[in-house]
C-alpha atoms as a PDB file:
ATOM      1  CA  MET A   1     -36.773  -4.850   4.476  1.00  0.00           C
ATOM      2  CA  ASN A   2     -34.774  -5.377   1.623  1.00  0.00           C
ATOM      3  CA  THR A   3     -32.365  -2.425   1.497  1.00  0.00           C
ATOM      4  CA  ARG A   4     -31.539  -3.274  -1.887  1.00  0.00           C
ATOM      5  CA  PHE A   5     -34.982  -2.116  -2.524  1.00  0.00           C
ATOM      6  CA  LEU A   6     -34.830   1.574  -0.517  1.00  0.00           C
ATOM      7  CA  GLU A   7     -31.285   2.088  -2.345  1.00  0.00           C
ATOM      8  CA  THR A   8     -33.570   1.956  -5.483  1.00  0.00           C
ATOM      9  CA  PHE A   9     -36.312   3.987  -4.020  1.00  0.00           C
ATOM     10  CA  VAL A  10     -33.839   6.659  -2.741  1.00  0.00           C
ATOM     11  CA  THR A  11     -31.942   6.594  -5.988  1.00  0.00           C
ATOM     12  CA  VAL A  12     -35.208   7.178  -8.282  1.00  0.00           C
ATOM     13  CA  ALA A  13     -36.091   9.898  -5.571  1.00  0.00           C
ATOM     14  CA  ASN A  14     -33.240  11.694  -6.137  1.00  0.00           C
ATOM     15  CA  LEU A  15     -32.300  11.304  -9.528  1.00  0.00           C
ATOM     16  CA  GLY A  16     -36.528  11.875 -10.433  1.00  0.00           C
ATOM     17  CA  SER A  17     -36.231   8.779 -13.016  1.00  0.00           C
ATOM     18  CA  PHE A  18     -36.417   5.491 -12.907  1.00  0.00           C
ATOM     19  CA  ARG A  19     -34.037   4.869 -16.159  1.00  0.00           C
ATOM     20  CA  ALA A  20     -31.896   6.901 -14.566  1.00  0.00           C
ATOM     21  CA  ALA A  21     -31.759   4.920 -11.694  1.00  0.00           C
ATOM     22  CA  ALA A  22     -31.737   1.535 -13.527  1.00  0.00           C
ATOM     23  CA  GLU A  23     -28.295   3.124 -15.204  1.00  0.00           C
ATOM     24  CA  GLN A  24     -26.861   4.730 -12.322  1.00  0.00           C
ATOM     25  CA  LEU A  25     -27.379   0.815  -9.963  1.00  0.00           C
ATOM     26  CA  ASN A  26     -26.558  -1.178 -13.568  1.00  0.00           C
ATOM     27  CA  VAL A  27     -29.377  -2.724 -13.885  1.00  0.00           C
ATOM     28  CA  SER A  28     -32.664  -2.622 -16.182  1.00  0.00           C
ATOM     29  CA  GLN A  29     -35.500  -0.273 -16.102  1.00  0.00           C
ATOM     30  CA  ALA A  30     -37.938  -3.184 -15.400  1.00  0.00           C
ATOM     31  CA  THR A  31     -35.683  -4.500 -11.961  1.00  0.00           C
ATOM     32  CA  VAL A  32     -36.337  -0.467 -11.115  1.00  0.00           C
ATOM     33  CA  SER A  33     -39.736  -0.900 -11.359  1.00  0.00           C
ATOM     34  CA  SER A  34     -40.042  -4.099  -9.930  1.00  0.00           C
ATOM     35  CA  ARG A  35     -38.274  -3.112  -6.272  1.00  0.00           C
ATOM     36  CA  ILE A  36     -40.242  -0.076  -5.939  1.00  0.00           C
ATOM     37  CA  SER A  37     -43.511  -2.347  -6.068  1.00  0.00           C
ATOM     38  CA  SER A  38     -42.007  -4.653  -4.303  1.00  0.00           C
ATOM     39  CA  LEU A  39     -41.646  -1.836  -1.651  1.00  0.00           C
ATOM     40  CA  GLU A  40     -44.911  -0.428  -2.205  1.00  0.00           C
ATOM     41  CA  THR A  41     -46.239  -3.858  -1.293  1.00  0.00           C
ATOM     42  CA  ASP A  42     -44.161  -4.252   1.436  1.00  0.00           C
ATOM     43  CA  LEU A  43     -45.246  -0.758   2.863  1.00  0.00           C
ATOM     44  CA  GLN A  44     -48.865  -0.685   1.530  1.00  0.00           C
ATOM     45  CA  VAL A  45     -48.348   2.879  -0.167  1.00  0.00           C
ATOM     46  CA  ASP A  46     -47.989   4.233  -3.225  1.00  0.00           C
ATOM     47  CA  LEU A  47     -44.426   5.931  -3.584  1.00  0.00           C
ATOM     48  CA  PHE A  48     -43.967   7.762  -7.125  1.00  0.00           C
ATOM     49  CA  ASP A  49     -47.048   9.050  -8.799  1.00  0.00           C
ATOM     50  CA  ARG A  50     -47.196   7.038 -12.036  1.00  0.00           C
ATOM     51  CA  GLU A  51     -49.724   9.143 -13.654  1.00  0.00           C
ATOM     52  CA  PHE A  52     -47.700  11.281 -15.132  1.00  0.00           C
ATOM     53  CA  HIS A  53     -45.031  10.750 -17.501  1.00  0.00           C
ATOM     54  CA  ALA A  54     -42.275  12.420 -15.004  1.00  0.00           C
ATOM     55  CA  THR A  55     -41.305  10.393 -12.006  1.00  0.00           C
ATOM     56  CA  ARG A  56     -43.144  12.584  -9.107  1.00  0.00           C
ATOM     57  CA  ILE A  57     -42.464  10.716  -5.523  1.00  0.00           C
ATOM     58  CA  THR A  58     -45.836  11.092  -3.307  1.00  0.00           C
ATOM     59  CA  VAL A  59     -46.533  12.971   0.081  1.00  0.00           C
ATOM     60  CA  ALA A  60     -45.887   9.088   2.051  1.00  0.00           C
ATOM     61  CA  GLY A  61     -42.914   8.622  -0.082  1.00  0.00           C
ATOM     62  CA  ALA A  62     -41.349  12.258   0.521  1.00  0.00           C
ATOM     63  CA  MET A  63     -42.271  10.962   4.466  1.00  0.00           C
ATOM     64  CA  ILE A  64     -39.977   8.333   4.482  1.00  0.00           C
ATOM     65  CA  LEU A  65     -36.970   9.802   2.153  1.00  0.00           C
ATOM     66  CA  ASP A  66     -35.320  10.752   5.047  1.00  0.00           C
ATOM     67  CA  LYS A  67     -35.594   7.509   7.162  1.00  0.00           C
ATOM     68  CA  ALA A  68     -34.464   5.458   4.190  1.00  0.00           C
ATOM     69  CA  GLN A  69     -31.363   7.564   3.427  1.00  0.00           C
ATOM     70  CA  GLU A  70     -30.637   7.094   7.181  1.00  0.00           C
ATOM     71  CA  MET A  71     -31.058   3.264   7.223  1.00  0.00           C
ATOM     72  CA  LEU A  72     -29.947   3.062   4.416  1.00  0.00           C
ATOM     73  CA  ALA A  73     -26.076   5.181   5.871  1.00  0.00           C
ATOM     74  CA  THR A  74     -26.503   2.336   8.967  1.00  0.00           C
ATOM     75  CA  GLU A  75     -26.173   0.000   7.090  1.00  0.00           C
ATOM     76  CA  ARG A  76     -22.851   1.341   5.401  1.00  0.00           C
ATOM     77  CA  ASN A  77     -21.519   2.174   8.761  1.00  0.00           C
ATOM     78  CA  LEU A  78     -22.310  -1.300   9.846  1.00  0.00           C
ATOM     79  CA  ARG A  79     -20.269  -3.089   6.557  1.00  0.00           C
ATOM     80  CA  ASN A  80     -17.626  -0.393   7.091  1.00  0.00           C
ATOM     81  CA  THR A  81     -17.074  -1.139  10.874  1.00  0.00           C
ATOM     82  CA  LEU A  82     -16.990  -4.958  10.287  1.00  0.00           C
ATOM     83  CA  SER A  83     -14.606  -4.628   7.615  1.00  0.00           C
ATOM     84  CA  ASP A  84     -12.586  -2.434   8.897  1.00  0.00           C
ATOM     85  CA  PRO A  85      -9.623  -3.914  11.058  1.00  0.00           C
ATOM     86  CA  THR A  86      -8.610  -0.658  12.921  1.00  0.00           C
ATOM     87  CA  THR A  87     -12.266  -0.828  14.790  1.00  0.00           C
ATOM     88  CA  ALA A  88     -11.359  -4.307  16.214  1.00  0.00           C
ATOM     89  CA  VAL A  89     -12.040  -5.286  19.579  1.00  0.00           C
ATOM     90  CA  GLY A  90     -11.215  -8.262  21.271  1.00  0.00           C
ATOM     91  CA  ARG A  91      -8.944 -11.347  21.133  1.00  0.00           C
ATOM     92  CA  VAL A  92      -6.901 -13.259  18.596  1.00  0.00           C
ATOM     93  CA  ARG A  93      -5.465 -16.689  19.212  1.00  0.00           C
ATOM     94  CA  LEU A  94      -2.319 -17.190  17.693  1.00  0.00           C
ATOM     95  CA  GLY A  95      -0.307 -20.103  16.903  1.00  0.00           C
ATOM     96  CA  LEU A  96       3.490 -19.661  16.182  1.00  0.00           C
ATOM     97  CA  VAL A  97       6.692 -21.247  16.271  1.00  0.00           C
ATOM     98  CA  SER A  98       9.712 -20.588  17.615  1.00  0.00           C
ATOM     99  CA  SER A  99      11.956 -19.164  14.654  1.00  0.00           C
ATOM    100  CA  VAL A 100       8.840 -16.406  14.477  1.00  0.00           C
ATOM    101  CA  VAL A 101       9.329 -15.589  18.306  1.00  0.00           C
ATOM    102  CA  HIS A 102      13.287 -15.027  18.062  1.00  0.00           C
ATOM    103  CA  THR A 103      13.283 -13.050  14.726  1.00  0.00           C
ATOM    104  CA  TRP A 104      10.333 -10.806  14.145  1.00  0.00           C
ATOM    105  CA  LEU A 105       7.560 -11.464  16.273  1.00  0.00           C
ATOM    106  CA  CYS A 106       8.203  -8.350  18.861  1.00  0.00           C
ATOM    107  CA  ASP A 107       7.711  -6.094  15.694  1.00  0.00           C
ATOM    108  CA  LEU A 108       4.668  -7.805  15.104  1.00  0.00           C
ATOM    109  CA  ILE A 109       3.251  -7.332  18.221  1.00  0.00           C
ATOM    110  CA  GLU A 110       4.121  -3.621  18.398  1.00  0.00           C
ATOM    111  CA  GLU A 111       2.774  -3.087  14.573  1.00  0.00           C
ATOM    112  CA  VAL A 112      -0.764  -5.364  16.228  1.00  0.00           C
ATOM    113  CA  ALA A 113      -0.697  -2.191  19.204  1.00  0.00           C
ATOM    114  CA  ARG A 114       0.042   0.258  17.374  1.00  0.00           C
ATOM    115  CA  CYS A 115      -2.351  -0.180  14.364  1.00  0.00           C
ATOM    116  CA  TYR A 116      -5.015  -2.178  16.409  1.00  0.00           C
ATOM    117  CA  PRO A 117      -4.665  -0.655  20.388  1.00  0.00           C
ATOM    118  CA  ARG A 118      -8.044  -2.655  21.060  1.00  0.00           C
ATOM    119  CA  LEU A 119      -7.173  -5.975  19.777  1.00  0.00           C
ATOM    120  CA  GLU A 120      -5.383  -8.487  22.475  1.00  0.00           C
ATOM    121  CA  LEU A 121      -3.040 -11.142  21.253  1.00  0.00           C
ATOM    122  CA  GLU A 122      -2.765 -14.996  22.869  1.00  0.00           C
ATOM    123  CA  LEU A 123       0.174 -16.558  21.985  1.00  0.00           C
ATOM    124  CA  THR A 124       0.655 -20.189  22.247  1.00  0.00           C
ATOM    125  CA  VAL A 125       4.222 -20.912  20.822  1.00  0.00           C
ATOM    126  CA  GLU A 126       5.048 -24.529  19.795  1.00  0.00           C
ATOM    127  CA  PRO A 127       6.111 -26.811  17.362  1.00  0.00           C
ATOM    128  CA  THR A 128       4.246 -27.219  14.114  1.00  0.00           C
ATOM    129  CA  PRO A 129       2.182 -30.290  14.504  1.00  0.00           C
ATOM    130  CA  ASN A 130       1.097 -28.906  18.090  1.00  0.00           C
ATOM    131  CA  ILE A 131      -0.066 -25.812  16.748  1.00  0.00           C
ATOM    132  CA  ALA A 132      -1.966 -27.466  13.701  1.00  0.00           C
ATOM    133  CA  ALA A 133      -3.780 -29.889  15.905  1.00  0.00           C
ATOM    134  CA  ALA A 134      -4.950 -26.978  18.309  1.00  0.00           C
ATOM    135  CA  PHE A 135      -6.358 -24.964  14.936  1.00  0.00           C
ATOM    136  CA  GLU A 136      -7.769 -28.352  13.857  1.00  0.00           C
ATOM    137  CA  ARG A 137      -9.715 -28.518  17.055  1.00  0.00           C
ATOM    138  CA  GLY A 138     -10.676 -24.711  16.994  1.00  0.00           C
ATOM    139  CA  ALA A 139      -7.980 -23.574  20.297  1.00  0.00           C
ATOM    140  CA  LEU A 140      -6.218 -21.317  17.808  1.00  0.00           C
ATOM    141  CA  ASP A 141      -7.452 -18.828  15.253  1.00  0.00           C
ATOM    142  CA  MET A 142      -4.300 -18.289  13.396  1.00  0.00           C
ATOM    143  CA  LEU A 143      -1.243 -19.674  12.662  1.00  0.00           C
ATOM    144  CA  LEU A 144       2.375 -18.466  12.506  1.00  0.00           C
ATOM    145  CA  THR A 145       4.066 -22.176  10.609  1.00  0.00           C
ATOM    146  CA  THR A 146       6.311 -23.692   8.452  1.00  0.00           C
ATOM    147  CA  ASP A 147       3.694 -25.875   6.702  1.00  0.00           C
ATOM    148  CA  ASP A 148       1.517 -24.520   4.442  1.00  0.00           C
ATOM    149  CA  ARG A 149      -2.195 -26.325   4.501  1.00  0.00           C
ATOM    150  CA  HIS A 150      -4.753 -25.639   1.662  1.00  0.00           C
ATOM    151  CA  ASP A 151      -7.872 -26.388   1.521  1.00  0.00           C
ATOM    152  CA  GLN A 152     -11.700 -24.462   1.398  1.00  0.00           C
ATOM    153  CA  THR A 153     -11.991 -23.332   5.116  1.00  0.00           C
ATOM    154  CA  CYS A 154      -9.287 -21.759   5.299  1.00  0.00           C
ATOM    155  CA  VAL A 155      -6.793 -19.341   3.791  1.00  0.00           C
ATOM    156  CA  CYS A 156      -2.865 -19.879   3.660  1.00  0.00           C
ATOM    157  CA  ALA A 157      -0.485 -16.699   2.601  1.00  0.00           C
ATOM    158  CA  ASP A 158       3.041 -17.598   2.167  1.00  0.00           C
ATOM    159  CA  LEU A 159       5.779 -15.073   3.935  1.00  0.00           C
ATOM    160  CA  PRO A 160       9.062 -14.153   3.571  1.00  0.00           C
ATOM    161  CA  PRO A 161      11.055 -17.500   4.049  1.00  0.00           C
ATOM    162  CA  LEU A 162      13.529 -17.061   7.002  1.00  0.00           C
ATOM    163  CA  ALA A 163      17.318 -17.788   6.206  1.00  0.00           C
ATOM    164  CA  MET A 164      19.230 -20.194   8.129  1.00  0.00           C
ATOM    165  CA  GLY A 165      22.760 -20.626   9.111  1.00  0.00           C
ATOM    166  CA  TRP A 166      25.217 -22.657  11.158  1.00  0.00           C
ATOM    167  CA  PHE A 167      26.132 -21.584  14.913  1.00  0.00           C
ATOM    168  CA  GLY A 168      28.940 -22.600  17.193  1.00  0.00           C
ATOM    169  CA  PRO A 169      30.680 -21.336  20.480  1.00  0.00           C
ATOM    170  CA  GLU A 170      32.930 -18.513  20.479  1.00  0.00           C
ATOM    171  CA  GLY A 171      36.110 -20.540  20.395  1.00  0.00           C
ATOM    172  CA  MET A 172      34.950 -22.089  16.739  1.00  0.00           C
ATOM    173  CA  ARG A 173      34.160 -17.986  15.494  1.00  0.00           C
ATOM    174  CA  ASP A 174      37.056 -17.662  12.960  1.00  0.00           C
ATOM    175  CA  GLU A 175      37.362 -21.250  11.976  1.00  0.00           C
ATOM    176  CA  LYS A 176      35.884 -22.505   7.922  1.00  0.00           C
ATOM    177  CA  LEU A 177      34.494 -25.207   8.185  1.00  0.00           C
ATOM    178  CA  SER A 178      33.858 -27.843   5.192  1.00  0.00           C
ATOM    179  CA  LEU A 179      30.368 -29.800   6.261  1.00  0.00           C
ATOM    180  CA  ALA A 180      32.632 -32.398   6.707  1.00  0.00           C
ATOM    181  CA  ASP A 181      33.973 -30.799   9.470  1.00  0.00           C
ATOM    182  CA  VAL A 182      30.296 -30.177  11.092  1.00  0.00           C
ATOM    183  CA  VAL A 183      29.620 -33.511  10.970  1.00  0.00           C
ATOM    184  CA  THR A 184      32.362 -34.670  13.024  1.00  0.00           C
ATOM    185  CA  SER A 185      30.643 -32.245  16.115  1.00  0.00           C
ATOM    186  CA  PRO A 186      27.205 -33.246  17.714  1.00  0.00           C
ATOM    187  CA  LEU A 187      24.990 -31.364  15.873  1.00  0.00           C
ATOM    188  CA  ILE A 188      21.966 -29.069  17.336  1.00  0.00           C
ATOM    189  CA  THR A 189      19.114 -28.588  15.529  1.00  0.00           C
ATOM    190  CA  PHE A 190      14.669 -28.387  16.487  1.00  0.00           C
ATOM    191  CA  THR A 191      12.208 -30.849  16.598  1.00  0.00           C
ATOM    192  CA  ARG A 192      12.962 -34.320  15.241  1.00  0.00           C
ATOM    193  CA  ASN A 193      11.133 -34.051  11.658  1.00  0.00           C
ATOM    194  CA  SER A 194      10.357 -30.364  11.701  1.00  0.00           C
ATOM    195  CA  ARG A 195      10.910 -28.529   8.540  1.00  0.00           C
ATOM    196  CA  PRO A 196      14.136 -27.420   9.820  1.00  0.00           C
ATOM    197  CA  HIS A 197      15.529 -31.402  11.045  1.00  0.00           C
ATOM    198  CA  ALA A 198      14.421 -32.433   7.930  1.00  0.00           C
ATOM    199  CA  ASN A 199      16.187 -29.842   5.601  1.00  0.00           C
ATOM    200  CA  VAL A 200      19.442 -30.573   7.311  1.00  0.00           C
ATOM    201  CA  LEU A 201      19.505 -33.875   7.130  1.00  0.00           C
ATOM    202  CA  ALA A 202      18.775 -33.908   3.483  1.00  0.00           C
ATOM    203  CA  LEU A 203      21.608 -31.601   2.984  1.00  0.00           C
ATOM    204  CA  PHE A 204      24.241 -33.741   5.051  1.00  0.00           C
ATOM    205  CA  SER A 205      22.579 -36.910   2.916  1.00  0.00           C
ATOM    206  CA  ASP A 206      23.011 -35.099  -0.594  1.00  0.00           C
ATOM    207  CA  ARG A 207      26.981 -34.863   0.500  1.00  0.00           C
ATOM    208  CA  GLY A 208      26.998 -38.500   1.315  1.00  0.00           C
ATOM    209  CA  LEU A 209      27.445 -37.459   4.717  1.00  0.00           C
ATOM    210  CA  ARG A 210      25.488 -38.634   8.577  1.00  0.00           C
ATOM    211  CA  PRO A 211      25.716 -36.703  11.119  1.00  0.00           C
ATOM    212  CA  SER A 212      26.645 -39.182  14.239  1.00  0.00           C
ATOM    213  CA  ILE A 213      25.085 -37.110  16.991  1.00  0.00           C
ATOM    214  CA  VAL A 214      21.485 -35.189  16.460  1.00  0.00           C
ATOM    215  CA  HIS A 215      20.206 -33.494  19.203  1.00  0.00           C
ATOM    216  CA  CYS A 216      16.582 -32.445  18.412  1.00  0.00           C
ATOM    217  CA  ILE A 217      15.252 -29.829  20.530  1.00  0.00           C
ATOM    218  CA  THR A 218      12.309 -27.990  20.869  1.00  0.00           C
ATOM    219  CA  SER A 219      12.880 -24.745  22.626  1.00  0.00           C
ATOM    220  CA  MET A 220      15.392 -22.226  20.118  1.00  0.00           C
ATOM    221  CA  ALA A 221      16.735 -20.800  23.822  1.00  0.00           C
ATOM    222  CA  ALA A 222      17.627 -24.515  24.797  1.00  0.00           C
ATOM    223  CA  ILE A 223      19.761 -24.153  21.449  1.00  0.00           C
ATOM    224  CA  ALA A 224      21.535 -21.539  21.885  1.00  0.00           C
ATOM    225  CA  ARG A 225      22.550 -22.377  25.780  1.00  0.00           C
ATOM    226  CA  LEU A 226      24.089 -25.560  24.262  1.00  0.00           C
ATOM    227  CA  THR A 227      25.871 -24.427  21.633  1.00  0.00           C
ATOM    228  CA  GLN A 228      27.068 -21.462  23.574  1.00  0.00           C
ATOM    229  CA  ARG A 229      28.466 -24.108  26.032  1.00  0.00           C
ATOM    230  CA  GLY A 230      30.070 -25.890  23.029  1.00  0.00           C
ATOM    231  CA  LEU A 231      28.183 -28.993  23.453  1.00  0.00           C
ATOM    232  CA  GLY A 232      27.572 -28.942  19.139  1.00  0.00           C
ATOM    233  CA  ILE A 233      27.089 -26.851  16.473  1.00  0.00           C
ATOM    234  CA  ALA A 234      23.444 -25.687  15.699  1.00  0.00           C
ATOM    235  CA  THR A 235      21.169 -24.455  13.101  1.00  0.00           C
ATOM    236  CA  LEU A 236      19.334 -21.493  13.640  1.00  0.00           C
ATOM    237  CA  PRO A 237      17.296 -18.432  11.941  1.00  0.00           C
ATOM    238  CA  LEU A 238      19.945 -15.639  10.924  1.00  0.00           C
ATOM    239  CA  ALA A 239      19.602 -12.276  12.481  1.00  0.00           C
ATOM    240  CA  CYS A 240      17.706 -13.946  15.595  1.00  0.00           C
ATOM    241  CA  ASP A 241      17.895 -12.418  18.993  1.00  0.00           C
ATOM    242  CA  LEU A 242      19.793 -15.834  20.604  1.00  0.00           C
ATOM    243  CA  ALA A 243      23.018 -14.938  18.566  1.00  0.00           C
ATOM    244  CA  GLY A 244      25.119 -12.467  20.819  1.00  0.00           C
ATOM    245  CA  PRO A 245      27.732 -13.537  23.027  1.00  0.00           C
ATOM    246  CA  GLY A 246      29.283 -16.980  23.466  1.00  0.00           C
ATOM    247  CA  ILE A 247      27.252 -17.893  20.034  1.00  0.00           C
ATOM    248  CA  TYR A 248      28.585 -17.010  16.147  1.00  0.00           C
ATOM    249  CA  GLU A 249      27.646 -17.645  13.150  1.00  0.00           C
ATOM    250  CA  LEU A 250      29.961 -19.853  11.442  1.00  0.00           C
ATOM    251  CA  ASP A 251      31.919 -19.919   8.537  1.00  0.00           C
ATOM    252  CA  VAL A 252      30.529 -22.922   6.660  1.00  0.00           C
ATOM    253  CA  ASP A 253      30.777 -24.027   3.286  1.00  0.00           C
ATOM    254  CA  ALA A 254      27.103 -25.330   2.967  1.00  0.00           C
ATOM    255  CA  GLN A 255      24.414 -23.569   2.815  1.00  0.00           C
ATOM    256  CA  LEU A 256      21.038 -24.233   4.635  1.00  0.00           C
ATOM    257  CA  PRO A 257      17.870 -23.897   2.953  1.00  0.00           C
ATOM    258  CA  PRO A 258      16.060 -21.069   4.066  1.00  0.00           C
ATOM    259  CA  LEU A 259      12.922 -21.894   6.574  1.00  0.00           C
ATOM    260  CA  PRO A 260       9.635 -21.342   4.418  1.00  0.00           C
ATOM    261  CA  LEU A 261       6.736 -19.482   6.567  1.00  0.00           C
ATOM    262  CA  TYR A 262       2.809 -19.701   6.176  1.00  0.00           C
ATOM    263  CA  CYS A 263       0.255 -17.135   7.885  1.00  0.00           C
ATOM    264  CA  ILE A 264      -2.714 -19.397   8.208  1.00  0.00           C
ATOM    265  CA  TRP A 265      -6.666 -18.470   9.225  1.00  0.00           C
ATOM    266  CA  ARG A 266     -10.067 -19.463   9.382  1.00  0.00           C
ATOM    267  CA  ARG A 267     -12.264 -17.792   6.431  1.00  0.00           C
ATOM    268  CA  SER A 268     -14.816 -16.759   8.907  1.00  0.00           C
ATOM    269  CA  SER A 269     -16.797 -12.967   9.721  1.00  0.00           C
ATOM    270  CA  ASP A 270     -13.323 -11.396  11.304  1.00  0.00           C
ATOM    271  CA  VAL A 271     -11.476 -12.496   8.517  1.00  0.00           C
ATOM    272  CA  ALA A 272     -11.091  -8.845   7.858  1.00  0.00           C
ATOM    273  CA  THR A 273      -9.094  -9.076  11.255  1.00  0.00           C
ATOM    274  CA  TYR A 274      -7.087 -11.730  10.259  1.00  0.00           C
ATOM    275  CA  LYS A 275      -5.733 -10.649   6.817  1.00  0.00           C
ATOM    276  CA  ALA A 276      -4.464  -7.198   8.959  1.00  0.00           C
ATOM    277  CA  ILE A 277      -2.798  -9.060  10.614  1.00  0.00           C
ATOM    278  CA  ALA A 278      -1.233 -11.369   7.839  1.00  0.00           C
ATOM    279  CA  ASP A 279      -0.095  -8.200   5.868  1.00  0.00           C
ATOM    280  CA  LEU A 280       1.798  -6.845   9.403  1.00  0.00           C
ATOM    281  CA  ALA A 281       3.421 -10.358   9.347  1.00  0.00           C
ATOM    282  CA  ARG A 282       4.615 -10.226   5.531  1.00  0.00           C
ATOM    283  CA  ALA A 283       5.752  -6.801   6.331  1.00  0.00           C
ATOM    284  CA  CYS A 284       7.743  -7.562   9.675  1.00  0.00           C
ATOM    285  CA  ALA A 285       9.358 -10.796   7.968  1.00  0.00           C
ATOM    286  CA  GLU A 286      10.425  -8.825   4.694  1.00  0.00           C
ATOM    287  CA  ARG A 287      12.055  -6.015   7.208  1.00  0.00           C
ATOM    288  CA  HIS A 288      14.170  -9.083   8.579  1.00  0.00           C
ATOM    289  CA  GLN A 289      14.219 -10.329   5.392  1.00  0.00           C
ATOM    290  CA  GLN A 290      16.370  -7.288   4.501  1.00  0.00           C
ATOM    291  CA  GLN A 291      18.384  -7.441   7.803  1.00  0.00           C
ATOM    292  CA  THR A 292      19.843 -11.025   6.940  1.00  0.00           C
END
């Protein structure tokens, strides 16, 4: 049964006029008449008495009016349940890069738990190409990543980027360095051909410089450990949870470009839930950005 026809029947019955119902529903009076006729054909009863100029509901129409209103209310509740992510139950498989893990991921987990307590997150932390491939084959539902994606099957939302900085061991804490000074030390950065790796090499290239040794490491925790031991100068997000005793931000005369972040999810029946998580991610990223 077409619920739109039921809605038209209830509107006519409540207003007592085909014309008034047409105005309220923003359709023509002929459309209202057609919907009522189709519903009467489906139910095999007359719902309104057409022998009088005034619109009068029949006994059969009055018998089903309450039930029709209940059916419409049930449909509205069903749609509201599907569109309201606060009622979400189940699991979201989220792929993310380590830069998010060591900056504002904990804030995001707390916010999801507070707003959507019945929702589970399954996290996969890998370099951008790996989580992109997993997303492509359907193993992940959402991405927090450094590469954008634009096609008809997905939504790609910009997030506030991460400010990046130079980090070194305690012995370099108060030094003022030029990029030429940095290039003489081993450089410790992210996975080869990743966005942070490409950005830092481009920065050196623009100055006509080339680092002699570049250690490309997947794990940010490993980057921090190596830097703490004095094995090189690292590039890391500012205000990350790895900075602390033994590893400090350095005063270098060349600013690293920010690391772009994107939230990507599929256009599907769960799009309201995914968008809600993306909105929380944006808020967490904005708060982190204010701390840097």
